[in-house]
Amino acid sequence: MSPGTRAAVLGTRVLPELLRVADVDPDLLVTDFGRVDPELGGRLARAEVLFTGWGCPPVDAEALRRMPRLRAVVHAAGSVKQHVTEACWERGLLVSSAAAANALPVAEYTLAAILFANKRVLQSAHAYRAARGPIDLLERYPEVGNYRRTVGVVGASLIGRRVLELLRPFDLRVLVHDPYADPGELAALGGEACALDELLRRSDVVSLHAPALPQTRHLLDASRLALMPDGATLVNTARGSLVDTVALTEELVAGRLHAVLDHTEPEVLPATSPLFNLPNVLLTPHVAGSLGGELERLAAAAVAELERYARGLGFRHRVDPARLAYSA
């Protein structure tokens, strides 16, 4: 992992647990598997498990050649696509991810965004700031609130499913689009399976939880954004590439739609983007995922997986290579 990741993830409470379950040198940080260093080469040759995080270099065929005893990769973060290569699957490595742990804060952010969007919290706050006095809420916001509003969830991913669970206590109709999900399973989670275009037409809030894949690029293009009702809100905590930024910007500048965007394309918008100043847009700098104290949850989840491996048990959060073609 990167030095910054190690400093953030392996805190004083998690590191002792890691040392308890594994023979590991806490001072050894590998940022380049190709580094010419006899001491590092000897350690890699003895390595049975890689404990990885953000910033891990690709574990390619050449890296694996230096690690003949390697049997598993335990990732203290979400997606493994950046470093677990096809060579790892060909070797038959076991791979675990803390994606389930990282899903929790993203789902919590999403829940807050949905409830605030239907309540028009952002817009009323702007209006109150401008007025500096009383506002006739009933006249200005006659239809706000979360009672019997419709929420569309695009993608029954780990995060999407957690969002469904968090929405269950509320008086909301929940539609779900996921071509790979079983409708009965979605119903058990409180969602109604729905075609994407129908979901867009019916939803007051649309929340994106699909992976970034070639087939999902600009999943919401101009024609699909046009299907959303006037005043609807788009929440994106997934990937910016799922949405045509130009088309979305036009809808938001016109004031027809609202948005809560934790991911955009590009990831950092140009300073001249009108989205920074629009009263119907909340932009956040990729904060929905694990940050601060939440990083300890990722590390603890990874250490728990490492302990299962040490005890001869299967990973609880094993990554299935067959599912990577349509998952994050």
C-alpha atoms as a PDB file:
ATOM      1  CA  MET A   1       0.000   0.000   0.000  1.00  0.00           C
ATOM      2  CA  SER A   2       1.049   3.643  -0.125  1.00  0.00           C
ATOM      3  CA  PRO A   3       2.744   5.294   2.886  1.00  0.00           C
ATOM      4  CA  GLY A   4      -0.293   7.535   3.369  1.00  0.00           C
ATOM      5  CA  THR A   5      -2.599   4.535   3.412  1.00  0.00           C
ATOM      6  CA  ARG A   6      -0.510   2.737   6.013  1.00  0.00           C
ATOM      7  CA  ALA A   7      -0.496   5.794   8.261  1.00  0.00           C
ATOM      8  CA  ALA A   8      -4.264   6.219   7.937  1.00  0.00           C
ATOM      9  CA  VAL A   9      -5.417   2.596   8.071  1.00  0.00           C
ATOM     10  CA  LEU A  10      -3.032   0.800  10.425  1.00  0.00           C
ATOM     11  CA  GLY A  11      -3.708   2.777  13.580  1.00  0.00           C
ATOM     12  CA  THR A  12      -2.612   2.021  17.115  1.00  0.00           C
ATOM     13  CA  ARG A  13      -5.615  -0.210  17.819  1.00  0.00           C
ATOM     14  CA  VAL A  14      -5.470  -2.304  14.644  1.00  0.00           C
ATOM     15  CA  LEU A  15      -1.725  -2.881  14.317  1.00  0.00           C
ATOM     16  CA  PRO A  16      -1.458  -4.964  17.522  1.00  0.00           C
ATOM     17  CA  GLU A  17      -4.231  -7.214  16.203  1.00  0.00           C
ATOM     18  CA  LEU A  18      -2.376  -7.646  12.927  1.00  0.00           C
ATOM     19  CA  LEU A  19       0.796  -8.574  14.807  1.00  0.00           C
ATOM     20  CA  ARG A  20      -1.196 -11.044  16.902  1.00  0.00           C
ATOM     21  CA  VAL A  21      -2.505 -13.040  13.947  1.00  0.00           C
ATOM     22  CA  ALA A  22       0.411 -12.843  11.506  1.00  0.00           C
ATOM     23  CA  ASP A  23       4.189 -12.959  11.307  1.00  0.00           C
ATOM     24  CA  VAL A  24       4.639  -9.478   9.851  1.00  0.00           C
ATOM     25  CA  ASP A  25       7.248  -6.744   9.966  1.00  0.00           C
ATOM     26  CA  PRO A  26       5.271  -3.520  10.550  1.00  0.00           C
ATOM     27  CA  ASP A  27       8.173  -1.465   9.211  1.00  0.00           C
ATOM     28  CA  LEU A  28       8.145  -3.230   5.836  1.00  0.00           C
ATOM     29  CA  LEU A  29       6.116  -1.286   3.274  1.00  0.00           C
ATOM     30  CA  VAL A  30       6.186  -2.457  -0.340  1.00  0.00           C
ATOM     31  CA  THR A  31       5.315   0.167  -2.928  1.00  0.00           C
ATOM     32  CA  ASP A  32       7.177  -1.414  -5.854  1.00  0.00           C
ATOM     33  CA  PHE A  33       7.389  -5.171  -6.388  1.00  0.00           C
ATOM     34  CA  GLY A  34      10.109  -4.668  -8.995  1.00  0.00           C
ATOM     35  CA  ARG A  35      12.521  -2.844  -6.689  1.00  0.00           C
ATOM     36  CA  VAL A  36      16.046  -4.277  -6.873  1.00  0.00           C
ATOM     37  CA  ASP A  37      16.742  -4.950  -3.221  1.00  0.00           C
ATOM     38  CA  PRO A  38      18.144  -8.312  -2.048  1.00  0.00           C
ATOM     39  CA  GLU A  39      16.578  -7.965   1.404  1.00  0.00           C
ATOM     40  CA  LEU A  40      13.155  -7.183  -0.043  1.00  0.00           C
ATOM     41  CA  GLY A  41      13.554 -10.019  -2.531  1.00  0.00           C
ATOM     42  CA  GLY A  42      14.163 -12.453   0.302  1.00  0.00           C
ATOM     43  CA  ARG A  43      11.108 -11.275   2.198  1.00  0.00           C
ATOM     44  CA  LEU A  44       8.887 -11.467  -0.862  1.00  0.00           C
ATOM     45  CA  ALA A  45      10.123 -14.988  -1.500  1.00  0.00           C
ATOM     46  CA  ARG A  46       8.872 -16.006   1.969  1.00  0.00           C
ATOM     47  CA  ALA A  47       5.546 -14.153   1.785  1.00  0.00           C
ATOM     48  CA  GLU A  48       2.403 -16.270   2.036  1.00  0.00           C
ATOM     49  CA  VAL A  49      -0.162 -13.443   2.227  1.00  0.00           C
ATOM     50  CA  LEU A  50      -0.155  -9.862   0.989  1.00  0.00           C
ATOM     51  CA  PHE A  51      -1.925  -7.355   3.249  1.00  0.00           C
ATOM     52  CA  THR A  52      -2.839  -4.594   0.787  1.00  0.00           C
ATOM     53  CA  GLY A  53      -4.523  -1.198   0.674  1.00  0.00           C
ATOM     54  CA  TRP A  54      -4.927   1.846  -1.548  1.00  0.00           C
ATOM     55  CA  GLY A  55      -1.816   2.446  -3.608  1.00  0.00           C
ATOM     56  CA  CYS A  56      -0.789  -1.197  -3.930  1.00  0.00           C
ATOM     57  CA  PRO A  57       1.181  -1.747  -7.154  1.00  0.00           C
ATOM     58  CA  PRO A  58      -0.135  -4.365  -9.607  1.00  0.00           C
ATOM     59  CA  VAL A  59       0.514  -7.937  -8.548  1.00  0.00           C
ATOM     60  CA  ASP A  60       1.435  -9.065 -12.034  1.00  0.00           C
ATOM     61  CA  ALA A  61       3.246 -12.137 -13.352  1.00  0.00           C
ATOM     62  CA  GLU A  62       6.658 -10.662 -12.642  1.00  0.00           C
ATOM     63  CA  ALA A  63       5.673  -9.784  -9.074  1.00  0.00           C
ATOM     64  CA  LEU A  64       4.304 -13.291  -8.562  1.00  0.00           C
ATOM     65  CA  ARG A  65       7.557 -14.773  -9.839  1.00  0.00           C
ATOM     66  CA  ARG A  66       9.261 -13.104  -6.868  1.00  0.00           C
ATOM     67  CA  MET A  67       6.641 -14.562  -4.480  1.00  0.00           C
ATOM     68  CA  PRO A  68       6.546 -18.328  -5.108  1.00  0.00           C
ATOM     69  CA  ARG A  69       4.879 -19.045  -1.721  1.00  0.00           C
ATOM     70  CA  LEU A  70       2.121 -16.450  -2.100  1.00  0.00           C
ATOM     71  CA  ARG A  71      -1.318 -17.964  -1.520  1.00  0.00           C
ATOM     72  CA  ALA A  72      -3.632 -15.069  -0.659  1.00  0.00           C
ATOM     73  CA  VAL A  73      -4.266 -11.321  -0.885  1.00  0.00           C
ATOM     74  CA  VAL A  74      -6.166  -9.589   1.923  1.00  0.00           C
ATOM     75  CA  HIS A  75      -7.237  -6.102   0.840  1.00  0.00           C
ATOM     76  CA  ALA A  76      -8.045  -3.503   3.501  1.00  0.00           C
ATOM     77  CA  ALA A  77     -10.166  -1.485   1.072  1.00  0.00           C
ATOM     78  CA  GLY A  78     -12.848  -2.003  -1.575  1.00  0.00           C
ATOM     79  CA  SER A  79     -12.206  -2.876  -5.204  1.00  0.00           C
ATOM     80  CA  VAL A  80      -9.224  -5.107  -5.999  1.00  0.00           C
ATOM     81  CA  LYS A  81      -9.230  -4.402  -9.726  1.00  0.00           C
ATOM     82  CA  GLN A  82      -6.334  -1.965  -9.539  1.00  0.00           C
ATOM     83  CA  HIS A  83      -3.812  -4.478  -8.219  1.00  0.00           C
ATOM     84  CA  VAL A  84      -5.144  -8.054  -8.489  1.00  0.00           C
ATOM     85  CA  THR A  85      -4.306  -9.029 -12.068  1.00  0.00           C
ATOM     86  CA  GLU A  86      -5.313 -11.978 -14.215  1.00  0.00           C
ATOM     87  CA  ALA A  87      -2.015 -13.626 -13.246  1.00  0.00           C
ATOM     88  CA  CYS A  88      -3.270 -13.795  -9.642  1.00  0.00           C
ATOM     89  CA  TRP A  89      -6.383 -15.704 -10.663  1.00  0.00           C
ATOM     90  CA  GLU A  90      -4.314 -18.009 -12.873  1.00  0.00           C
ATOM     91  CA  ARG A  91      -2.114 -18.760  -9.850  1.00  0.00           C
ATOM     92  CA  GLY A  92      -5.298 -19.607  -7.916  1.00  0.00           C
ATOM     93  CA  LEU A  93      -4.748 -17.018  -5.206  1.00  0.00           C
ATOM     94  CA  LEU A  94      -7.431 -16.499  -2.599  1.00  0.00           C
ATOM     95  CA  VAL A  95      -8.497 -12.843  -2.485  1.00  0.00           C
ATOM     96  CA  SER A  96     -10.495 -11.040   0.190  1.00  0.00           C
ATOM     97  CA  SER A  97     -11.777  -7.474   0.152  1.00  0.00           C
ATOM     98  CA  ALA A  98     -13.101  -5.090   2.799  1.00  0.00           C
ATOM     99  CA  ALA A  99     -15.674  -3.779   0.315  1.00  0.00           C
ATOM    100  CA  ALA A 100     -18.524  -4.792   2.626  1.00  0.00           C
ATOM    101  CA  ALA A 101     -17.044  -2.636   5.406  1.00  0.00           C
ATOM    102  CA  ASN A 102     -16.517   0.282   3.030  1.00  0.00           C
ATOM    103  CA  ALA A 103     -20.128  -0.019   1.857  1.00  0.00           C
ATOM    104  CA  LEU A 104     -21.459   1.070   5.245  1.00  0.00           C
ATOM    105  CA  PRO A 105     -20.450   4.769   5.260  1.00  0.00           C
ATOM    106  CA  VAL A 106     -21.368   5.132   1.583  1.00  0.00           C
ATOM    107  CA  ALA A 107     -24.846   3.783   2.297  1.00  0.00           C
ATOM    108  CA  GLU A 108     -25.171   6.084   5.313  1.00  0.00           C
ATOM    109  CA  TYR A 109     -24.234   9.105   3.185  1.00  0.00           C
ATOM    110  CA  THR A 110     -26.751   7.976   0.573  1.00  0.00           C
ATOM    111  CA  LEU A 111     -29.542   7.627   3.110  1.00  0.00           C
ATOM    112  CA  ALA A 112     -28.872  11.144   4.388  1.00  0.00           C
ATOM    113  CA  ALA A 113     -28.776  12.488   0.821  1.00  0.00           C
ATOM    114  CA  ILE A 114     -32.121  10.856  -0.058  1.00  0.00           C
ATOM    115  CA  LEU A 115     -33.902  12.108   3.053  1.00  0.00           C
ATOM    116  CA  PHE A 116     -32.460  15.623   2.721  1.00  0.00           C
ATOM    117  CA  ALA A 117     -33.266  15.736  -1.019  1.00  0.00           C
ATOM    118  CA  ASN A 118     -36.932  14.912  -0.510  1.00  0.00           C
ATOM    119  CA  LYS A 119     -37.071  17.445   2.337  1.00  0.00           C
ATOM    120  CA  ARG A 120     -35.407  20.085   0.104  1.00  0.00           C
ATOM    121  CA  VAL A 121     -32.947  20.859   2.890  1.00  0.00           C
ATOM    122  CA  LEU A 122     -30.292  22.339   0.605  1.00  0.00           C
ATOM    123  CA  GLN A 123     -32.720  24.607  -1.244  1.00  0.00           C
ATOM    124  CA  SER A 124     -34.484  25.825   1.896  1.00  0.00           C
ATOM    125  CA  ALA A 125     -31.125  26.562   3.535  1.00  0.00           C
ATOM    126  CA  HIS A 126     -30.109  28.697   0.538  1.00  0.00           C
ATOM    127  CA  ALA A 127     -33.465  30.488   0.608  1.00  0.00           C
ATOM    128  CA  TYR A 128     -33.194  31.148   4.341  1.00  0.00           C
ATOM    129  CA  ARG A 129     -29.655  32.478   3.961  1.00  0.00           C
ATOM    130  CA  ALA A 130     -30.808  34.832   1.203  1.00  0.00           C
ATOM    131  CA  ALA A 131     -33.936  36.015   3.033  1.00  0.00           C
ATOM    132  CA  ARG A 132     -32.375  36.433   6.497  1.00  0.00           C
ATOM    133  CA  GLY A 133     -35.966  36.363   7.733  1.00  0.00           C
ATOM    134  CA  PRO A 134     -39.191  34.318   7.775  1.00  0.00           C
ATOM    135  CA  ILE A 135     -39.999  32.028   4.844  1.00  0.00           C
ATOM    136  CA  ASP A 136     -43.470  30.760   4.001  1.00  0.00           C
ATOM    137  CA  LEU A 137     -42.501  27.090   3.807  1.00  0.00           C
ATOM    138  CA  LEU A 138     -45.956  25.823   2.863  1.00  0.00           C
ATOM    139  CA  GLU A 139     -46.145  28.192  -0.072  1.00  0.00           C
ATOM    140  CA  ARG A 140     -42.556  27.724  -1.231  1.00  0.00           C
ATOM    141  CA  TYR A 141     -42.319  23.952  -0.677  1.00  0.00           C
ATOM    142  CA  PRO A 142     -45.878  22.566  -0.887  1.00  0.00           C
ATOM    143  CA  GLU A 143     -44.852  19.022  -1.830  1.00  0.00           C
ATOM    144  CA  VAL A 144     -41.677  18.368   0.137  1.00  0.00           C
ATOM    145  CA  GLY A 145     -41.207  15.443   2.512  1.00  0.00           C
ATOM    146  CA  ASN A 146     -40.391  11.750   2.496  1.00  0.00           C
ATOM    147  CA  TYR A 147     -43.870  10.322   3.020  1.00  0.00           C
ATOM    148  CA  ARG A 148     -44.720   7.992   0.116  1.00  0.00           C
ATOM    149  CA  ARG A 149     -42.036   9.372  -2.147  1.00  0.00           C
ATOM    150  CA  THR A 150     -40.403   7.040  -4.659  1.00  0.00           C
ATOM    151  CA  VAL A 151     -36.695   6.239  -4.557  1.00  0.00           C
ATOM    152  CA  GLY A 152     -34.943   4.485  -7.433  1.00  0.00           C
ATOM    153  CA  VAL A 153     -31.806   2.481  -6.645  1.00  0.00           C
ATOM    154  CA  VAL A 154     -29.662   1.657  -9.687  1.00  0.00           C
ATOM    155  CA  GLY A 155     -27.455  -1.315  -8.865  1.00  0.00           C
ATOM    156  CA  ALA A 156     -28.013  -3.940  -6.173  1.00  0.00           C
ATOM    157  CA  SER A 157     -24.355  -3.889  -5.216  1.00  0.00           C
ATOM    158  CA  LEU A 158     -23.067  -4.269  -1.660  1.00  0.00           C
ATOM    159  CA  ILE A 159     -23.749  -0.575  -1.199  1.00  0.00           C
ATOM    160  CA  GLY A 160     -27.065  -0.695  -3.037  1.00  0.00           C
ATOM    161  CA  ARG A 161     -28.297  -3.547  -0.852  1.00  0.00           C
ATOM    162  CA  ARG A 162     -27.241  -1.754   2.305  1.00  0.00           C
ATOM    163  CA  VAL A 163     -29.137   1.325   1.102  1.00  0.00           C
ATOM    164  CA  LEU A 164     -32.231  -0.854   0.654  1.00  0.00           C
ATOM    165  CA  GLU A 165     -31.875  -2.072   4.237  1.00  0.00           C
ATOM    166  CA  LEU A 166     -31.496   1.465   5.574  1.00  0.00           C
ATOM    167  CA  LEU A 167     -34.562   2.671   3.652  1.00  0.00           C
ATOM    168  CA  ARG A 168     -36.871   0.013   5.051  1.00  0.00           C
ATOM    169  CA  PRO A 169     -38.033   1.916   8.175  1.00  0.00           C
ATOM    170  CA  PHE A 170     -39.279   4.850   6.075  1.00  0.00           C
ATOM    171  CA  ASP A 171     -42.599   5.315   4.264  1.00  0.00           C
ATOM    172  CA  LEU A 172     -40.999   5.191   0.833  1.00  0.00           C
ATOM    173  CA  ARG A 173     -41.595   3.249  -2.361  1.00  0.00           C
ATOM    174  CA  VAL A 174     -38.289   1.758  -3.509  1.00  0.00           C
ATOM    175  CA  LEU A 175     -37.606   0.668  -7.085  1.00  0.00           C
ATOM    176  CA  VAL A 176     -34.438  -1.245  -8.012  1.00  0.00           C
ATOM    177  CA  HIS A 177     -32.777  -1.783 -11.367  1.00  0.00           C
ATOM    178  CA  ASP A 178     -30.103  -4.454 -11.619  1.00  0.00           C
ATOM    179  CA  PRO A 179     -30.017  -6.875 -14.566  1.00  0.00           C
ATOM    180  CA  TYR A 180     -28.155  -9.478 -12.493  1.00  0.00           C
ATOM    181  CA  ALA A 181     -30.304  -9.415  -9.343  1.00  0.00           C
ATOM    182  CA  ASP A 182     -33.090 -11.841  -8.501  1.00  0.00           C
ATOM    183  CA  PRO A 183     -36.452 -10.003  -8.221  1.00  0.00           C
ATOM    184  CA  GLY A 184     -37.484 -12.172  -5.280  1.00  0.00           C
ATOM    185  CA  GLU A 185     -34.315 -11.288  -3.405  1.00  0.00           C
ATOM    186  CA  LEU A 186     -34.881  -7.597  -4.100  1.00  0.00           C
ATOM    187  CA  ALA A 187     -38.443  -7.881  -2.832  1.00  0.00           C
ATOM    188  CA  ALA A 188     -37.148  -9.440   0.386  1.00  0.00           C
ATOM    189  CA  LEU A 189     -34.918  -6.392   0.798  1.00  0.00           C
ATOM    190  CA  GLY A 190     -37.875  -4.066   0.333  1.00  0.00           C
ATOM    191  CA  GLY A 191     -37.356  -3.142  -3.313  1.00  0.00           C
ATOM    192  CA  GLU A 192     -39.394  -3.643  -6.467  1.00  0.00           C
ATOM    193  CA  ALA A 193     -37.454  -4.849  -9.521  1.00  0.00           C
ATOM    194  CA  CYS A 194     -37.856  -2.324 -12.296  1.00  0.00           C
ATOM    195  CA  ALA A 195     -36.543  -1.553 -15.785  1.00  0.00           C
ATOM    196  CA  LEU A 196     -34.166   1.393 -15.801  1.00  0.00           C
ATOM    197  CA  ASP A 197     -36.251   3.734 -17.952  1.00  0.00           C
ATOM    198  CA  GLU A 198     -39.365   3.063 -15.880  1.00  0.00           C
ATOM    199  CA  LEU A 199     -37.400   3.629 -12.677  1.00  0.00           C
ATOM    200  CA  LEU A 200     -36.211   7.000 -13.975  1.00  0.00           C
ATOM    201  CA  ARG A 201     -39.737   8.065 -14.927  1.00  0.00           C
ATOM    202  CA  ARG A 202     -41.248   7.105 -11.561  1.00  0.00           C
ATOM    203  CA  SER A 203     -38.583   8.171  -9.047  1.00  0.00           C
ATOM    204  CA  ASP A 204     -38.369  11.363  -7.011  1.00  0.00           C
ATOM    205  CA  VAL A 205     -34.773  10.476  -6.132  1.00  0.00           C
ATOM    206  CA  VAL A 206     -32.460   8.243  -8.185  1.00  0.00           C
ATOM    207  CA  SER A 207     -29.382   6.861  -6.416  1.00  0.00           C
ATOM    208  CA  LEU A 208     -26.555   5.256  -8.413  1.00  0.00           C
ATOM    209  CA  HIS A 209     -24.732   2.182  -7.118  1.00  0.00           C
ATOM    210  CA  ALA A 210     -23.623   0.460 -10.333  1.00  0.00           C
ATOM    211  CA  PRO A 211     -19.976  -0.350 -11.143  1.00  0.00           C
ATOM    212  CA  ALA A 212     -17.891   1.533 -13.684  1.00  0.00           C
ATOM    213  CA  LEU A 213     -17.769  -0.815 -16.675  1.00  0.00           C
ATOM    214  CA  PRO A 214     -17.635  -0.213 -20.436  1.00  0.00           C
ATOM    215  CA  GLN A 215     -21.332  -1.069 -20.666  1.00  0.00           C
ATOM    216  CA  THR A 216     -22.285   1.337 -17.849  1.00  0.00           C
ATOM    217  CA  ARG A 217     -20.401   4.362 -19.176  1.00  0.00           C
ATOM    218  CA  HIS A 218     -22.906   7.224 -19.512  1.00  0.00           C
ATOM    219  CA  LEU A 219     -25.666   4.901 -18.379  1.00  0.00           C
ATOM    220  CA  LEU A 220     -27.551   8.116 -17.700  1.00  0.00           C
ATOM    221  CA  ASP A 221     -27.136  10.077 -20.924  1.00  0.00           C
ATOM    222  CA  ALA A 222     -29.176  13.062 -22.100  1.00  0.00           C
ATOM    223  CA  SER A 223     -32.124  10.930 -23.190  1.00  0.00           C
ATOM    224  CA  ARG A 224     -32.325   9.067 -19.886  1.00  0.00           C
ATOM    225  CA  LEU A 225     -31.851  12.173 -17.771  1.00  0.00           C
ATOM    226  CA  ALA A 226     -34.770  13.651 -19.692  1.00  0.00           C
ATOM    227  CA  LEU A 227     -36.962  10.819 -18.395  1.00  0.00           C
ATOM    228  CA  MET A 228     -36.584  12.001 -14.796  1.00  0.00           C
ATOM    229  CA  PRO A 229     -39.517  14.087 -13.526  1.00  0.00           C
ATOM    230  CA  ASP A 230     -39.136  17.815 -13.042  1.00  0.00           C
ATOM    231  CA  GLY A 231     -37.686  18.459  -9.596  1.00  0.00           C
ATOM    232  CA  ALA A 232     -36.245  14.952  -9.208  1.00  0.00           C
ATOM    233  CA  THR A 233     -32.837  14.483  -7.559  1.00  0.00           C
ATOM    234  CA  LEU A 234     -29.886  12.426  -8.788  1.00  0.00           C
ATOM    235  CA  VAL A 235     -27.525  11.055  -6.109  1.00  0.00           C
ATOM    236  CA  ASN A 236     -24.198   9.688  -7.320  1.00  0.00           C
ATOM    237  CA  THR A 237     -21.910   8.001  -4.802  1.00  0.00           C
ATOM    238  CA  ALA A 238     -20.744   5.419  -7.357  1.00  0.00           C
ATOM    239  CA  ARG A 239     -18.637   6.607 -10.295  1.00  0.00           C
ATOM    240  CA  GLY A 240     -18.758   9.792 -12.328  1.00  0.00           C
ATOM    241  CA  SER A 241     -18.533   7.863 -15.599  1.00  0.00           C
ATOM    242  CA  LEU A 242     -22.063   6.531 -15.077  1.00  0.00           C
ATOM    243  CA  VAL A 243     -23.447   9.958 -15.990  1.00  0.00           C
ATOM    244  CA  ASP A 244     -22.942  12.202 -19.024  1.00  0.00           C
ATOM    245  CA  THR A 245     -21.583  15.264 -17.213  1.00  0.00           C
ATOM    246  CA  VAL A 246     -22.378  17.672 -20.043  1.00  0.00           C
ATOM    247  CA  ALA A 247     -25.999  16.532 -20.234  1.00  0.00           C
ATOM    248  CA  LEU A 248     -26.402  16.574 -16.448  1.00  0.00           C
ATOM    249  CA  THR A 249     -24.901  20.055 -16.223  1.00  0.00           C
ATOM    250  CA  GLU A 250     -27.433  21.334 -18.758  1.00  0.00           C
ATOM    251  CA  GLU A 251     -30.315  19.884 -16.723  1.00  0.00           C
ATOM    252  CA  LEU A 252     -28.961  21.340 -13.477  1.00  0.00           C
ATOM    253  CA  VAL A 253     -28.201  24.783 -14.895  1.00  0.00           C
ATOM    254  CA  ALA A 254     -31.751  24.879 -16.260  1.00  0.00           C
ATOM    255  CA  GLY A 255     -32.973  24.078 -12.733  1.00  0.00           C
ATOM    256  CA  ARG A 256     -35.098  21.160 -13.871  1.00  0.00           C
ATOM    257  CA  LEU A 257     -33.246  18.577 -11.763  1.00  0.00           C
ATOM    258  CA  HIS A 258     -31.391  18.542  -8.449  1.00  0.00           C
ATOM    259  CA  ALA A 259     -28.234  16.577  -7.637  1.00  0.00           C
ATOM    260  CA  VAL A 260     -26.062  15.326  -4.802  1.00  0.00           C
ATOM    261  CA  LEU A 261     -22.740  14.376  -6.356  1.00  0.00           C
ATOM    262  CA  ASP A 262     -19.883  12.722  -4.494  1.00  0.00           C
ATOM    263  CA  HIS A 263     -18.431  11.453  -7.784  1.00  0.00           C
ATOM    264  CA  THR A 264     -18.135  13.335 -11.041  1.00  0.00           C
ATOM    265  CA  GLU A 265     -16.371  13.007 -14.372  1.00  0.00           C
ATOM    266  CA  PRO A 266     -13.720  14.285 -14.279  1.00  0.00           C
ATOM    267  CA  GLU A 267     -13.240  13.339 -10.644  1.00  0.00           C
ATOM    268  CA  VAL A 268     -12.326  16.942  -9.853  1.00  0.00           C
ATOM    269  CA  LEU A 269     -14.458  19.295 -11.901  1.00  0.00           C
ATOM    270  CA  PRO A 270     -12.815  22.297 -13.567  1.00  0.00           C
ATOM    271  CA  ALA A 271     -12.865  25.407 -11.392  1.00  0.00           C
ATOM    272  CA  THR A 272     -15.114  27.050 -13.980  1.00  0.00           C
ATOM    273  CA  SER A 273     -17.856  24.407 -13.641  1.00  0.00           C
ATOM    274  CA  PRO A 274     -21.220  26.013 -12.820  1.00  0.00           C
ATOM    275  CA  LEU A 275     -22.037  23.062 -10.553  1.00  0.00           C
ATOM    276  CA  PHE A 276     -19.982  24.586  -7.739  1.00  0.00           C
ATOM    277  CA  ASN A 277     -22.383  27.507  -7.399  1.00  0.00           C
ATOM    278  CA  LEU A 278     -25.812  26.130  -8.244  1.00  0.00           C
ATOM    279  CA  PRO A 279     -28.304  26.165  -5.353  1.00  0.00           C
ATOM    280  CA  ASN A 280     -29.820  22.880  -6.556  1.00  0.00           C
ATOM    281  CA  VAL A 281     -26.494  20.989  -6.431  1.00  0.00           C
ATOM    282  CA  LEU A 282     -24.523  19.612  -3.491  1.00  0.00           C
ATOM    283  CA  LEU A 283     -20.964  18.692  -4.504  1.00  0.00           C
ATOM    284  CA  THR A 284     -18.756  16.765  -2.103  1.00  0.00           C
ATOM    285  CA  PRO A 285     -15.124  15.709  -2.755  1.00  0.00           C
ATOM    286  CA  HIS A 286     -15.466  11.919  -2.621  1.00  0.00           C
ATOM    287  CA  VAL A 287     -16.267  11.828   1.105  1.00  0.00           C
ATOM    288  CA  ALA A 288     -18.959   9.136   1.113  1.00  0.00           C
ATOM    289  CA  GLY A 289     -16.471   6.277   1.444  1.00  0.00           C
ATOM    290  CA  SER A 290     -14.467   5.447   4.541  1.00  0.00           C
ATOM    291  CA  LEU A 291     -12.610   8.381   6.060  1.00  0.00           C
ATOM    292  CA  GLY A 292     -11.006   9.177   9.398  1.00  0.00           C
ATOM    293  CA  GLY A 293     -12.104   6.770  12.095  1.00  0.00           C
ATOM    294  CA  GLU A 294     -14.044   4.710   9.549  1.00  0.00           C
ATOM    295  CA  LEU A 295     -10.739   3.498   8.105  1.00  0.00           C
ATOM    296  CA  GLU A 296     -10.214   1.447  11.244  1.00  0.00           C
ATOM    297  CA  ARG A 297     -13.273  -0.597  10.264  1.00  0.00           C
ATOM    298  CA  LEU A 298     -11.595  -1.499   6.959  1.00  0.00           C
ATOM    299  CA  ALA A 299      -8.381  -2.580   8.663  1.00  0.00           C
ATOM    300  CA  ALA A 300     -10.241  -4.530  11.339  1.00  0.00           C
ATOM    301  CA  ALA A 301     -12.258  -6.343   8.668  1.00  0.00           C
ATOM    302  CA  ALA A 302      -9.059  -7.262   6.812  1.00  0.00           C
ATOM    303  CA  VAL A 303      -7.353  -8.496   9.991  1.00  0.00           C
ATOM    304  CA  ALA A 304     -10.416 -10.629  10.758  1.00  0.00           C
ATOM    305  CA  GLU A 305     -10.111 -12.209   7.328  1.00  0.00           C
ATOM    306  CA  LEU A 306      -6.407 -12.841   7.869  1.00  0.00           C
ATOM    307  CA  GLU A 307      -7.204 -14.557  11.162  1.00  0.00           C
ATOM    308  CA  ARG A 308      -9.750 -16.781   9.402  1.00  0.00           C
ATOM    309  CA  TYR A 309      -7.059 -17.724   6.894  1.00  0.00           C
ATOM    310  CA  ALA A 310      -4.613 -18.497   9.710  1.00  0.00           C
ATOM    311  CA  ARG A 311      -7.201 -20.787  11.310  1.00  0.00           C
ATOM    312  CA  GLY A 312      -7.764 -22.648   8.063  1.00  0.00           C
ATOM    313  CA  LEU A 313     -11.200 -21.123   7.524  1.00  0.00           C
ATOM    314  CA  GLY A 314     -12.523 -19.686   4.277  1.00  0.00           C
ATOM    315  CA  PHE A 315     -12.675 -15.953   3.743  1.00  0.00           C
ATOM    316  CA  ARG A 316     -16.004 -14.443   4.729  1.00  0.00           C
ATOM    317  CA  HIS A 317     -15.624 -11.778   2.019  1.00  0.00           C
ATOM    318  CA  ARG A 318     -13.868 -13.698  -0.720  1.00  0.00           C
ATOM    319  CA  VAL A 319     -13.682 -12.018  -4.117  1.00  0.00           C
ATOM    320  CA  ASP A 320     -15.159 -14.147  -6.894  1.00  0.00           C
ATOM    321  CA  PRO A 321     -13.243 -13.510 -10.145  1.00  0.00           C
ATOM    322  CA  ALA A 322     -16.292 -14.569 -12.163  1.00  0.00           C
ATOM    323  CA  ARG A 323     -18.236 -11.604 -10.737  1.00  0.00           C
ATOM    324  CA  LEU A 324     -15.574  -8.988 -11.448  1.00  0.00           C
ATOM    325  CA  ALA A 325     -16.847  -8.542 -15.004  1.00  0.00           C
ATOM    326  CA  TYR A 326     -19.978  -6.854 -13.630  1.00  0.00           C
ATOM    327  CA  SER A 327     -18.930  -5.590 -10.209  1.00  0.00           C
ATOM    328  CA  ALA A 328     -16.709  -2.831  -8.846  1.00  0.00           C
END
